[in-house]
Amino acid sequence: MEQREIMQRSVGILTEALEMRRRLRENPDADVARNGAVATLLEEMLPHVQLPADASAREVADIVTAKLGPAIVQIASSLTFAFVQLAEIHDEGRTDVSSADVLRSISMHYETGGGA
């Protein structure tokens, strides 16, 4: 998966989290845990790992680390980048831009190939 797509999906996770938080504020008894959109996005972002039936525990650990490690680093980097963008807007005291606006801007930037 390309970094551009990982970034857009990471922004999607954050956008979904904002929406869940909004729904909880409106209705504290809402059941937002069952949504599953975040889990679905992560499932799509992480590569599938096939393990040999006769693999030892050490071999399994090595395969999983080799397959998932780079994807996890990319996901963490994308989430960190988005967090920093949100934090900078917050720290500047800007009230003319919402969190959703910042996330939308990041997504659009990567959609047009700006971060590829």
PDB file of N, CA and C in Angstrom:
ATOM      1  N   MET A   1       0.854  -1.178   0.000  1.00  0.00           N
ATOM      2  CA  MET A   1       0.000   0.000   0.000  1.00  0.00           C
ATOM      3  C   MET A   1       0.899   1.239   0.000  1.00  0.00           C
ATOM      4  N   GLU A   2       0.571   2.199  -0.825  1.00  0.00           N
ATOM      5  CA  GLU A   2       1.365   3.417  -0.944  1.00  0.00           C
ATOM      6  C   GLU A   2       1.180   4.318   0.274  1.00  0.00           C
ATOM      7  N   GLN A   3       2.193   5.127   0.554  1.00  0.00           N
ATOM      8  CA  GLN A   3       2.127   6.052   1.688  1.00  0.00           C
ATOM      9  C   GLN A   3       0.933   6.990   1.564  1.00  0.00           C
ATOM     10  N   ARG A   4       0.610   7.400   0.351  1.00  0.00           N
ATOM     11  CA  ARG A   4      -0.528   8.288   0.131  1.00  0.00           C
ATOM     12  C   ARG A   4      -1.816   7.653   0.639  1.00  0.00           C
ATOM     13  N   GLU A   5      -2.008   6.393   0.289  1.00  0.00           N
ATOM     14  CA  GLU A   5      -3.219   5.691   0.705  1.00  0.00           C
ATOM     15  C   GLU A   5      -3.227   5.448   2.213  1.00  0.00           C
ATOM     16  N   ILE A   6      -2.084   5.132   2.773  1.00  0.00           N
ATOM     17  CA  ILE A   6      -2.004   4.937   4.223  1.00  0.00           C
ATOM     18  C   ILE A   6      -2.350   6.230   4.939  1.00  0.00           C
ATOM     19  N   MET A   7      -1.857   7.346   4.422  1.00  0.00           N
ATOM     20  CA  MET A   7      -2.158   8.631   5.042  1.00  0.00           C
ATOM     21  C   MET A   7      -3.647   8.919   4.973  1.00  0.00           C
ATOM     22  N   GLN A   8      -4.242   8.694   3.834  1.00  0.00           N
ATOM     23  CA  GLN A   8      -5.680   8.952   3.696  1.00  0.00           C
ATOM     24  C   GLN A   8      -6.491   8.041   4.620  1.00  0.00           C
ATOM     25  N   ARG A   9      -6.095   6.822   4.755  1.00  0.00           N
ATOM     26  CA  ARG A   9      -6.819   5.911   5.644  1.00  0.00           C
ATOM     27  C   ARG A   9      -6.600   6.287   7.111  1.00  0.00           C
ATOM     28  N   SER A  10      -5.412   6.758   7.442  1.00  0.00           N
ATOM     29  CA  SER A  10      -5.159   7.221   8.806  1.00  0.00           C
ATOM     30  C   SER A  10      -6.034   8.422   9.134  1.00  0.00           C
ATOM     31  N   VAL A  11      -6.143   9.329   8.185  1.00  0.00           N
ATOM     32  CA  VAL A  11      -7.034  10.479   8.360  1.00  0.00           C
ATOM     33  C   VAL A  11      -8.475   9.989   8.513  1.00  0.00           C
ATOM     34  N   GLY A  12      -8.825   8.942   7.778  1.00  0.00           N
ATOM     35  CA  GLY A  12     -10.156   8.354   7.911  1.00  0.00           C
ATOM     36  C   GLY A  12     -10.409   7.827   9.316  1.00  0.00           C
ATOM     37  N   ILE A  13      -9.404   7.195   9.901  1.00  0.00           N
ATOM     38  CA  ILE A  13      -9.520   6.699  11.277  1.00  0.00           C
ATOM     39  C   ILE A  13      -9.757   7.860  12.235  1.00  0.00           C
ATOM     40  N   LEU A  14      -8.974   8.912  12.089  1.00  0.00           N
ATOM     41  CA  LEU A  14      -9.135  10.075  12.975  1.00  0.00           C
ATOM     42  C   LEU A  14     -10.476  10.759  12.765  1.00  0.00           C
ATOM     43  N   THR A  15     -10.907  10.842  11.530  1.00  0.00           N
ATOM     44  CA  THR A  15     -12.204  11.454  11.231  1.00  0.00           C
ATOM     45  C   THR A  15     -13.330  10.636  11.859  1.00  0.00           C
ATOM     46  N   GLU A  16     -13.235   9.327  11.759  1.00  0.00           N
ATOM     47  CA  GLU A  16     -14.233   8.451  12.374  1.00  0.00           C
ATOM     48  C   GLU A  16     -14.225   8.606  13.895  1.00  0.00           C
ATOM     49  N   ALA A  17     -13.046   8.731  14.473  1.00  0.00           N
ATOM     50  CA  ALA A  17     -12.959   8.930  15.927  1.00  0.00           C
ATOM     51  C   ALA A  17     -13.625  10.241  16.332  1.00  0.00           C
ATOM     52  N   LEU A  18     -13.418  11.297  15.543  1.00  0.00           N
ATOM     53  CA  LEU A  18     -14.087  12.573  15.825  1.00  0.00           C
ATOM     54  C   LEU A  18     -15.603  12.419  15.762  1.00  0.00           C
ATOM     55  N   GLU A  19     -16.072  11.691  14.775  1.00  0.00           N
ATOM     56  CA  GLU A  19     -17.507  11.473  14.623  1.00  0.00           C
ATOM     57  C   GLU A  19     -18.071  10.669  15.799  1.00  0.00           C
ATOM     58  N   MET A  20     -17.341   9.641  16.226  1.00  0.00           N
ATOM     59  CA  MET A  20     -17.796   8.859  17.376  1.00  0.00           C
ATOM     60  C   MET A  20     -17.872   9.731  18.623  1.00  0.00           C
ATOM     61  N   ARG A  21     -16.879  10.592  18.799  1.00  0.00           N
ATOM     62  CA  ARG A  21     -16.865  11.491  19.957  1.00  0.00           C
ATOM     63  C   ARG A  21     -18.036  12.468  19.886  1.00  0.00           C
ATOM     64  N   ARG A  22     -18.330  12.975  18.705  1.00  0.00           N
ATOM     65  CA  ARG A  22     -19.466  13.883  18.537  1.00  0.00           C
ATOM     66  C   ARG A  22     -20.771  13.186  18.912  1.00  0.00           C
ATOM     67  N   ARG A  23     -20.912  11.948  18.431  1.00  0.00           N
ATOM     68  CA  ARG A  23     -22.135  11.197  18.738  1.00  0.00           C
ATOM     69  C   ARG A  23     -22.261  10.934  20.230  1.00  0.00           C
ATOM     70  N   LEU A  24     -21.142  10.655  20.884  1.00  0.00           N
ATOM     71  CA  LEU A  24     -21.177  10.434  22.339  1.00  0.00           C
ATOM     72  C   LEU A  24     -21.543  11.707  23.092  1.00  0.00           C
ATOM     73  N   ARG A  25     -21.076  12.832  22.615  1.00  0.00           N
ATOM     74  CA  ARG A  25     -21.443  14.097  23.265  1.00  0.00           C
ATOM     75  C   ARG A  25     -22.937  14.350  23.133  1.00  0.00           C
ATOM     76  N   GLU A  26     -23.486  14.054  21.965  1.00  0.00           N
ATOM     77  CA  GLU A  26     -24.907  14.261  21.724  1.00  0.00           C
ATOM     78  C   GLU A  26     -25.761  13.262  22.492  1.00  0.00           C
ATOM     79  N   ASN A  27     -25.267  12.038  22.598  1.00  0.00           N
ATOM     80  CA  ASN A  27     -26.016  10.991  23.275  1.00  0.00           C
ATOM     81  C   ASN A  27     -25.029  10.114  24.051  1.00  0.00           C
ATOM     82  N   PRO A  28     -24.812  10.427  25.343  1.00  0.00           N
ATOM     83  CA  PRO A  28     -23.833   9.672  26.137  1.00  0.00           C
ATOM     84  C   PRO A  28     -24.114   8.173  26.216  1.00  0.00           C
ATOM     85  N   ASP A  29     -25.351   7.766  25.956  1.00  0.00           N
ATOM     86  CA  ASP A  29     -25.690   6.346  26.007  1.00  0.00           C
ATOM     87  C   ASP A  29     -25.542   5.653  24.659  1.00  0.00           C
ATOM     88  N   ALA A  30     -25.094   6.373  23.650  1.00  0.00           N
ATOM     89  CA  ALA A  30     -24.949   5.796  22.313  1.00  0.00           C
ATOM     90  C   ALA A  30     -23.930   4.661  22.333  1.00  0.00           C
ATOM     91  N   ASP A  31     -24.188   3.668  21.525  1.00  0.00           N
ATOM     92  CA  ASP A  31     -23.282   2.524  21.424  1.00  0.00           C
ATOM     93  C   ASP A  31     -22.386   2.720  20.202  1.00  0.00           C
ATOM     94  N   VAL A  32     -21.286   3.440  20.389  1.00  0.00           N
ATOM     95  CA  VAL A  32     -20.379   3.699  19.267  1.00  0.00           C
ATOM     96  C   VAL A  32     -19.313   2.620  19.140  1.00  0.00           C
ATOM     97  N   ALA A  33     -19.156   1.799  20.152  1.00  0.00           N
ATOM     98  CA  ALA A  33     -18.116   0.758  20.117  1.00  0.00           C
ATOM     99  C   ALA A  33     -18.398  -0.289  19.057  1.00  0.00           C
ATOM    100  N   ARG A  34     -19.648  -0.480  18.682  1.00  0.00           N
ATOM    101  CA  ARG A  34     -19.997  -1.520  17.725  1.00  0.00           C
ATOM    102  C   ARG A  34     -19.821  -1.081  16.278  1.00  0.00           C
ATOM    103  N   ASN A  35     -19.438   0.157  16.062  1.00  0.00           N
ATOM    104  CA  ASN A  35     -19.336   0.676  14.709  1.00  0.00           C
ATOM    105  C   ASN A  35     -18.391  -0.159  13.861  1.00  0.00           C
ATOM    106  N   GLY A  36     -17.171  -0.375  14.310  1.00  0.00           N
ATOM    107  CA  GLY A  36     -16.229  -1.231  13.611  1.00  0.00           C
ATOM    108  C   GLY A  36     -15.493  -0.590  12.458  1.00  0.00           C
ATOM    109  N   ALA A  37     -15.773   0.670  12.141  1.00  0.00           N
ATOM    110  CA  ALA A  37     -15.114   1.312  10.999  1.00  0.00           C
ATOM    111  C   ALA A  37     -13.610   1.429  11.218  1.00  0.00           C
ATOM    112  N   VAL A  38     -13.203   1.738  12.422  1.00  0.00           N
ATOM    113  CA  VAL A  38     -11.775   1.868  12.711  1.00  0.00           C
ATOM    114  C   VAL A  38     -11.094   0.517  12.542  1.00  0.00           C
ATOM    115  N   ALA A  39     -11.702  -0.521  13.100  1.00  0.00           N
ATOM    116  CA  ALA A  39     -11.127  -1.860  12.966  1.00  0.00           C
ATOM    117  C   ALA A  39     -11.052  -2.281  11.500  1.00  0.00           C
ATOM    118  N   THR A  40     -12.072  -1.959  10.739  1.00  0.00           N
ATOM    119  CA  THR A  40     -12.091  -2.301   9.314  1.00  0.00           C
ATOM    120  C   THR A  40     -10.972  -1.585   8.571  1.00  0.00           C
ATOM    121  N   LEU A  41     -10.796  -0.296   8.856  1.00  0.00           N
ATOM    122  CA  LEU A  41      -9.722   0.446   8.190  1.00  0.00           C
ATOM    123  C   LEU A  41      -8.357  -0.134   8.532  1.00  0.00           C
ATOM    124  N   LEU A  42      -8.133  -0.462   9.793  1.00  0.00           N
ATOM    125  CA  LEU A  42      -6.847  -1.044  10.183  1.00  0.00           C
ATOM    126  C   LEU A  42      -6.640  -2.400   9.523  1.00  0.00           C
ATOM    127  N   GLU A  43      -7.705  -3.185   9.470  1.00  0.00           N
ATOM    128  CA  GLU A  43      -7.609  -4.493   8.833  1.00  0.00           C
ATOM    129  C   GLU A  43      -7.214  -4.355   7.368  1.00  0.00           C
ATOM    130  N   GLU A  44      -7.761  -3.354   6.699  1.00  0.00           N
ATOM    131  CA  GLU A  44      -7.440  -3.129   5.298  1.00  0.00           C
ATOM    132  C   GLU A  44      -6.016  -2.603   5.120  1.00  0.00           C
ATOM    133  N   MET A  45      -5.524  -1.872   6.108  1.00  0.00           N
ATOM    134  CA  MET A  45      -4.204  -1.266   5.997  1.00  0.00           C
ATOM    135  C   MET A  45      -3.076  -2.245   6.298  1.00  0.00           C
ATOM    136  N   LEU A  46      -3.331  -3.208   7.160  1.00  0.00           N
ATOM    137  CA  LEU A  46      -2.280  -4.150   7.532  1.00  0.00           C
ATOM    138  C   LEU A  46      -2.219  -5.290   6.524  1.00  0.00           C
ATOM    139  N   PRO A  47      -1.022  -5.690   6.163  1.00  0.00           N
ATOM    140  CA  PRO A  47      -0.901  -6.786   5.192  1.00  0.00           C
ATOM    141  C   PRO A  47      -1.324  -8.120   5.824  1.00  0.00           C
ATOM    142  N   HIS A  48      -1.793  -9.009   4.980  1.00  0.00           N
ATOM    143  CA  HIS A  48      -2.135 -10.356   5.444  1.00  0.00           C
ATOM    144  C   HIS A  48      -0.848 -11.154   5.565  1.00  0.00           C
ATOM    145  N   VAL A  49      -0.792 -11.973   6.595  1.00  0.00           N
ATOM    146  CA  VAL A  49       0.408 -12.759   6.852  1.00  0.00           C
ATOM    147  C   VAL A  49       0.052 -14.236   6.719  1.00  0.00           C
ATOM    148  N   GLN A  50       0.795 -14.930   5.886  1.00  0.00           N
ATOM    149  CA  GLN A  50       0.623 -16.373   5.753  1.00  0.00           C
ATOM    150  C   GLN A  50       1.796 -17.052   6.433  1.00  0.00           C
ATOM    151  N   LEU A  51       1.466 -18.006   7.254  1.00  0.00           N
ATOM    152  CA  LEU A  51       2.496 -18.711   8.005  1.00  0.00           C
ATOM    153  C   LEU A  51       2.550 -20.169   7.569  1.00  0.00           C
ATOM    154  N   PRO A  52       3.741 -20.701   7.420  1.00  0.00           N
ATOM    155  CA  PRO A  52       3.867 -22.131   7.110  1.00  0.00           C
ATOM    156  C   PRO A  52       3.320 -22.958   8.283  1.00  0.00           C
ATOM    157  N   ALA A  53       2.666 -24.040   7.974  1.00  0.00           N
ATOM    158  CA  ALA A  53       2.069 -24.878   9.010  1.00  0.00           C
ATOM    159  C   ALA A  53       3.114 -25.431   9.971  1.00  0.00           C
ATOM    160  N   ASP A  54       4.317 -25.620   9.492  1.00  0.00           N
ATOM    161  CA  ASP A  54       5.357 -26.215  10.328  1.00  0.00           C
ATOM    162  C   ASP A  54       6.311 -25.175  10.935  1.00  0.00           C
ATOM    163  N   ALA A  55       5.927 -23.912  10.896  1.00  0.00           N
ATOM    164  CA  ALA A  55       6.803 -22.848  11.412  1.00  0.00           C
ATOM    165  C   ALA A  55       6.930 -22.946  12.927  1.00  0.00           C
ATOM    166  N   SER A  56       8.130 -22.718  13.406  1.00  0.00           N
ATOM    167  CA  SER A  56       8.361 -22.683  14.856  1.00  0.00           C
ATOM    168  C   SER A  56       7.873 -21.345  15.404  1.00  0.00           C
ATOM    169  N   ALA A  57       7.791 -21.247  16.702  1.00  0.00           N
ATOM    170  CA  ALA A  57       7.364 -19.988  17.324  1.00  0.00           C
ATOM    171  C   ALA A  57       8.299 -18.852  16.923  1.00  0.00           C
ATOM    172  N   ARG A  58       9.573 -19.110  16.866  1.00  0.00           N
ATOM    173  CA  ARG A  58      10.558 -18.088  16.487  1.00  0.00           C
ATOM    174  C   ARG A  58      10.359 -17.663  15.034  1.00  0.00           C
ATOM    175  N   GLU A  59      10.121 -18.626  14.165  1.00  0.00           N
ATOM    176  CA  GLU A  59       9.894 -18.322  12.750  1.00  0.00           C
ATOM    177  C   GLU A  59       8.612 -17.495  12.581  1.00  0.00           C
ATOM    178  N   VAL A  60       7.584 -17.844  13.329  1.00  0.00           N
ATOM    179  CA  VAL A  60       6.334 -17.083  13.285  1.00  0.00           C
ATOM    180  C   VAL A  60       6.596 -15.639  13.710  1.00  0.00           C
ATOM    181  N   ALA A  61       7.317 -15.471  14.801  1.00  0.00           N
ATOM    182  CA  ALA A  61       7.627 -14.115  15.286  1.00  0.00           C
ATOM    183  C   ALA A  61       8.412 -13.332  14.238  1.00  0.00           C
ATOM    184  N   ASP A  62       9.379 -13.973  13.614  1.00  0.00           N
ATOM    185  CA  ASP A  62      10.190 -13.295  12.595  1.00  0.00           C
ATOM    186  C   ASP A  62       9.346 -12.907  11.378  1.00  0.00           C
ATOM    187  N   ILE A  63       8.481 -13.804  10.932  1.00  0.00           N
ATOM    188  CA  ILE A  63       7.632 -13.532   9.769  1.00  0.00           C
ATOM    189  C   ILE A  63       6.661 -12.394  10.071  1.00  0.00           C
ATOM    190  N   VAL A  64       6.018 -12.471  11.231  1.00  0.00           N
ATOM    191  CA  VAL A  64       5.047 -11.441  11.609  1.00  0.00           C
ATOM    192  C   VAL A  64       5.732 -10.085  11.735  1.00  0.00           C
ATOM    193  N   THR A  65       6.889 -10.068  12.362  1.00  0.00           N
ATOM    194  CA  THR A  65       7.627  -8.804  12.511  1.00  0.00           C
ATOM    195  C   THR A  65       8.023  -8.244  11.154  1.00  0.00           C
ATOM    196  N   ALA A  66       8.515  -9.099  10.273  1.00  0.00           N
ATOM    197  CA  ALA A  66       8.946  -8.641   8.945  1.00  0.00           C
ATOM    198  C   ALA A  66       7.766  -8.128   8.118  1.00  0.00           C
ATOM    199  N   LYS A  67       6.619  -8.782   8.218  1.00  0.00           N
ATOM    200  CA  LYS A  67       5.449  -8.388   7.416  1.00  0.00           C
ATOM    201  C   LYS A  67       4.718  -7.184   8.001  1.00  0.00           C
ATOM    202  N   LEU A  68       4.492  -7.189   9.308  1.00  0.00           N
ATOM    203  CA  LEU A  68       3.685  -6.132   9.925  1.00  0.00           C
ATOM    204  C   LEU A  68       4.500  -4.909  10.349  1.00  0.00           C
ATOM    205  N   GLY A  69       5.773  -5.104  10.667  1.00  0.00           N
ATOM    206  CA  GLY A  69       6.599  -4.000  11.154  1.00  0.00           C
ATOM    207  C   GLY A  69       6.581  -2.766  10.263  1.00  0.00           C
ATOM    208  N   PRO A  70       6.905  -2.900   8.980  1.00  0.00           N
ATOM    209  CA  PRO A  70       6.906  -1.718   8.112  1.00  0.00           C
ATOM    210  C   PRO A  70       5.535  -1.045   8.012  1.00  0.00           C
ATOM    211  N   ALA A  71       4.472  -1.837   7.948  1.00  0.00           N
ATOM    212  CA  ALA A  71       3.122  -1.257   7.867  1.00  0.00           C
ATOM    213  C   ALA A  71       2.777  -0.504   9.142  1.00  0.00           C
ATOM    214  N   ILE A  72       3.140  -1.066  10.278  1.00  0.00           N
ATOM    215  CA  ILE A  72       2.857  -0.405  11.552  1.00  0.00           C
ATOM    216  C   ILE A  72       3.631   0.898  11.655  1.00  0.00           C
ATOM    217  N   VAL A  73       4.868   0.907  11.191  1.00  0.00           N
ATOM    218  CA  VAL A  73       5.662   2.146  11.190  1.00  0.00           C
ATOM    219  C   VAL A  73       5.005   3.193  10.295  1.00  0.00           C
ATOM    220  N   GLN A  74       4.548   2.789   9.120  1.00  0.00           N
ATOM    221  CA  GLN A  74       3.886   3.737   8.208  1.00  0.00           C
ATOM    222  C   GLN A  74       2.595   4.275   8.813  1.00  0.00           C
ATOM    223  N   ILE A  75       1.814   3.404   9.434  1.00  0.00           N
ATOM    224  CA  ILE A  75       0.561   3.838  10.061  1.00  0.00           C
ATOM    225  C   ILE A  75       0.855   4.803  11.195  1.00  0.00           C
ATOM    226  N   ALA A  76       1.818   4.440  12.048  1.00  0.00           N
ATOM    227  CA  ALA A  76       2.171   5.310  13.182  1.00  0.00           C
ATOM    228  C   ALA A  76       2.688   6.661  12.676  1.00  0.00           C
ATOM    229  N   SER A  77       3.484   6.647  11.622  1.00  0.00           N
ATOM    230  CA  SER A  77       4.006   7.901  11.064  1.00  0.00           C
ATOM    231  C   SER A  77       2.878   8.772  10.527  1.00  0.00           C
ATOM    232  N   SER A  78       1.918   8.159   9.857  1.00  0.00           N
ATOM    233  CA  SER A  78       0.785   8.912   9.312  1.00  0.00           C
ATOM    234  C   SER A  78      -0.072   9.499  10.430  1.00  0.00           C
ATOM    235  N   LEU A  79      -0.356   8.703  11.446  1.00  0.00           N
ATOM    236  CA  LEU A  79      -1.148   9.207  12.575  1.00  0.00           C
ATOM    237  C   LEU A  79      -0.404  10.309  13.316  1.00  0.00           C
ATOM    238  N   THR A  80       0.905  10.145  13.461  1.00  0.00           N
ATOM    239  CA  THR A  80       1.715  11.160  14.127  1.00  0.00           C
ATOM    240  C   THR A  80       1.705  12.462  13.342  1.00  0.00           C
ATOM    241  N   PHE A  81       1.857  12.367  12.021  1.00  0.00           N
ATOM    242  CA  PHE A  81       1.827  13.557  11.177  1.00  0.00           C
ATOM    243  C   PHE A  81       0.506  14.300  11.343  1.00  0.00           C
ATOM    244  N   ALA A  82      -0.609  13.562  11.273  1.00  0.00           N
ATOM    245  CA  ALA A  82      -1.926  14.188  11.417  1.00  0.00           C
ATOM    246  C   ALA A  82      -2.080  14.803  12.801  1.00  0.00           C
ATOM    247  N   PHE A  83      -1.610  14.111  13.832  1.00  0.00           N
ATOM    248  CA  PHE A  83      -1.691  14.651  15.185  1.00  0.00           C
ATOM    249  C   PHE A  83      -0.918  15.961  15.290  1.00  0.00           C
ATOM    250  N   VAL A  84       0.276  16.002  14.735  1.00  0.00           N
ATOM    251  CA  VAL A  84       1.090  17.223  14.800  1.00  0.00           C
ATOM    252  C   VAL A  84       0.378  18.374  14.096  1.00  0.00           C
ATOM    253  N   GLN A  85      -0.219  18.092  12.946  1.00  0.00           N
ATOM    254  CA  GLN A  85      -0.959  19.142  12.239  1.00  0.00           C
ATOM    255  C   GLN A  85      -2.100  19.670  13.110  1.00  0.00           C
ATOM    256  N   LEU A  86      -2.842  18.767  13.740  1.00  0.00           N
ATOM    257  CA  LEU A  86      -3.941  19.173  14.622  1.00  0.00           C
ATOM    258  C   LEU A  86      -3.417  19.938  15.839  1.00  0.00           C
ATOM    259  N   ALA A  87      -2.332  19.453  16.412  1.00  0.00           N
ATOM    260  CA  ALA A  87      -1.764  20.104  17.600  1.00  0.00           C
ATOM    261  C   ALA A  87      -1.268  21.510  17.282  1.00  0.00           C
ATOM    262  N   GLU A  88      -0.647  21.688  16.132  1.00  0.00           N
ATOM    263  CA  GLU A  88      -0.154  23.015  15.763  1.00  0.00           C
ATOM    264  C   GLU A  88      -1.297  24.017  15.641  1.00  0.00           C
ATOM    265  N   ILE A  89      -2.396  23.602  15.012  1.00  0.00           N
ATOM    266  CA  ILE A  89      -3.563  24.481  14.887  1.00  0.00           C
ATOM    267  C   ILE A  89      -4.102  24.823  16.273  1.00  0.00           C
ATOM    268  N   HIS A  90      -4.186  23.813  17.113  1.00  0.00           N
ATOM    269  CA  HIS A  90      -4.675  24.029  18.480  1.00  0.00           C
ATOM    270  C   HIS A  90      -3.762  24.985  19.237  1.00  0.00           C
ATOM    271  N   ASP A  91      -2.461  24.728  19.191  1.00  0.00           N
ATOM    272  CA  ASP A  91      -1.500  25.543  19.938  1.00  0.00           C
ATOM    273  C   ASP A  91      -1.446  26.989  19.454  1.00  0.00           C
ATOM    274  N   GLU A  92      -1.768  27.190  18.191  1.00  0.00           N
ATOM    275  CA  GLU A  92      -1.809  28.553  17.653  1.00  0.00           C
ATOM    276  C   GLU A  92      -3.067  29.290  18.115  1.00  0.00           C
ATOM    277  N   GLY A  93      -3.988  28.561  18.737  1.00  0.00           N
ATOM    278  CA  GLY A  93      -5.210  29.175  19.225  1.00  0.00           C
ATOM    279  C   GLY A  93      -6.197  29.512  18.125  1.00  0.00           C
ATOM    280  N   ARG A  94      -6.057  28.861  17.000  1.00  0.00           N
ATOM    281  CA  ARG A  94      -6.938  29.167  15.867  1.00  0.00           C
ATOM    282  C   ARG A  94      -8.331  28.619  16.114  1.00  0.00           C
ATOM    283  N   THR A  95      -9.290  29.469  15.956  1.00  0.00           N
ATOM    284  CA  THR A  95     -10.685  29.052  16.106  1.00  0.00           C
ATOM    285  C   THR A  95     -11.419  29.080  14.768  1.00  0.00           C
ATOM    286  N   ASP A  96     -10.735  29.531  13.741  1.00  0.00           N
ATOM    287  CA  ASP A  96     -11.352  29.604  12.413  1.00  0.00           C
ATOM    288  C   ASP A  96     -11.253  28.286  11.649  1.00  0.00           C
ATOM    289  N   VAL A  97     -10.528  27.314  12.220  1.00  0.00           N
ATOM    290  CA  VAL A  97     -10.328  26.020  11.567  1.00  0.00           C
ATOM    291  C   VAL A  97     -10.680  24.917  12.563  1.00  0.00           C
ATOM    292  N   SER A  98     -11.572  24.024  12.152  1.00  0.00           N
ATOM    293  CA  SER A  98     -11.944  22.907  13.028  1.00  0.00           C
ATOM    294  C   SER A  98     -10.994  21.727  12.798  1.00  0.00           C
ATOM    295  N   SER A  99     -11.047  20.773  13.710  1.00  0.00           N
ATOM    296  CA  SER A  99     -10.262  19.552  13.535  1.00  0.00           C
ATOM    297  C   SER A  99     -10.647  18.851  12.241  1.00  0.00           C
ATOM    298  N   ALA A 100     -11.941  18.815  11.964  1.00  0.00           N
ATOM    299  CA  ALA A 100     -12.413  18.188  10.721  1.00  0.00           C
ATOM    300  C   ALA A 100     -11.846  18.905   9.497  1.00  0.00           C
ATOM    301  N   ASP A 101     -11.745  20.235   9.570  1.00  0.00           N
ATOM    302  CA  ASP A 101     -11.162  21.006   8.460  1.00  0.00           C
ATOM    303  C   ASP A 101      -9.701  20.619   8.234  1.00  0.00           C
ATOM    304  N   VAL A 102      -8.953  20.477   9.321  1.00  0.00           N
ATOM    305  CA  VAL A 102      -7.534  20.114   9.210  1.00  0.00           C
ATOM    306  C   VAL A 102      -7.401  18.722   8.599  1.00  0.00           C
ATOM    307  N   LEU A 103      -8.198  17.777   9.080  1.00  0.00           N
ATOM    308  CA  LEU A 103      -8.133  16.423   8.544  1.00  0.00           C
ATOM    309  C   LEU A 103      -8.534  16.386   7.075  1.00  0.00           C
ATOM    310  N   ARG A 104      -9.552  17.145   6.728  1.00  0.00           N
ATOM    311  CA  ARG A 104      -9.989  17.212   5.327  1.00  0.00           C
ATOM    312  C   ARG A 104      -8.863  17.774   4.459  1.00  0.00           C
ATOM    313  N   SER A 105      -8.195  18.795   4.941  1.00  0.00           N
ATOM    314  CA  SER A 105      -7.091  19.410   4.204  1.00  0.00           C
ATOM    315  C   SER A 105      -5.947  18.417   3.981  1.00  0.00           C
ATOM    316  N   ILE A 106      -5.621  17.659   5.010  1.00  0.00           N
ATOM    317  CA  ILE A 106      -4.563  16.653   4.884  1.00  0.00           C
ATOM    318  C   ILE A 106      -4.961  15.605   3.844  1.00  0.00           C
ATOM    319  N   SER A 107      -6.189  15.134   3.938  1.00  0.00           N
ATOM    320  CA  SER A 107      -6.658  14.114   3.007  1.00  0.00           C
ATOM    321  C   SER A 107      -6.619  14.617   1.574  1.00  0.00           C
ATOM    322  N   MET A 108      -7.087  15.840   1.364  1.00  0.00           N
ATOM    323  CA  MET A 108      -7.092  16.417   0.016  1.00  0.00           C
ATOM    324  C   MET A 108      -5.674  16.591  -0.522  1.00  0.00           C
ATOM    325  N   HIS A 109      -4.757  16.993   0.369  1.00  0.00           N
ATOM    326  CA  HIS A 109      -3.356  17.159  -0.019  1.00  0.00           C
ATOM    327  C   HIS A 109      -2.794  15.835  -0.555  1.00  0.00           C
ATOM    328  N   TYR A 110      -3.082  14.751   0.168  1.00  0.00           N
ATOM    329  CA  TYR A 110      -2.563  13.457  -0.256  1.00  0.00           C
ATOM    330  C   TYR A 110      -3.336  12.873  -1.427  1.00  0.00           C
ATOM    331  N   GLU A 111      -4.602  13.234  -1.550  1.00  0.00           N
ATOM    332  CA  GLU A 111      -5.411  12.769  -2.686  1.00  0.00           C
ATOM    333  C   GLU A 111      -4.874  13.315  -4.000  1.00  0.00           C
ATOM    334  N   THR A 112      -4.393  14.550  -3.967  1.00  0.00           N
ATOM    335  CA  THR A 112      -3.866  15.172  -5.177  1.00  0.00           C
ATOM    336  C   THR A 112      -2.396  14.833  -5.434  1.00  0.00           C
ATOM    337  N   GLY A 113      -1.849  13.943  -4.604  1.00  0.00           N
ATOM    338  CA  GLY A 113      -0.475  13.514  -4.813  1.00  0.00           C
ATOM    339  C   GLY A 113       0.556  14.392  -4.156  1.00  0.00           C
ATOM    340  N   GLY A 114       0.116  15.315  -3.299  1.00  0.00           N
ATOM    341  CA  GLY A 114       1.037  16.231  -2.641  1.00  0.00           C
ATOM    342  C   GLY A 114       1.997  15.566  -1.686  1.00  0.00           C
ATOM    343  N   GLY A 115       1.635  14.431  -1.148  1.00  0.00           N
ATOM    344  CA  GLY A 115       2.511  13.787  -0.188  1.00  0.00           C
ATOM    345  C   GLY A 115       3.125  12.506  -0.699  1.00  0.00           C
ATOM    346  N   ALA A 116       2.876  12.212  -1.943  1.00  0.00           N
ATOM    347  CA  ALA A 116       3.368  10.925  -2.482  1.00  0.00           C
ATOM    348  C   ALA A 116       4.854  10.908  -2.664  1.00  0.00           C
TER     349      ALA A 116
END
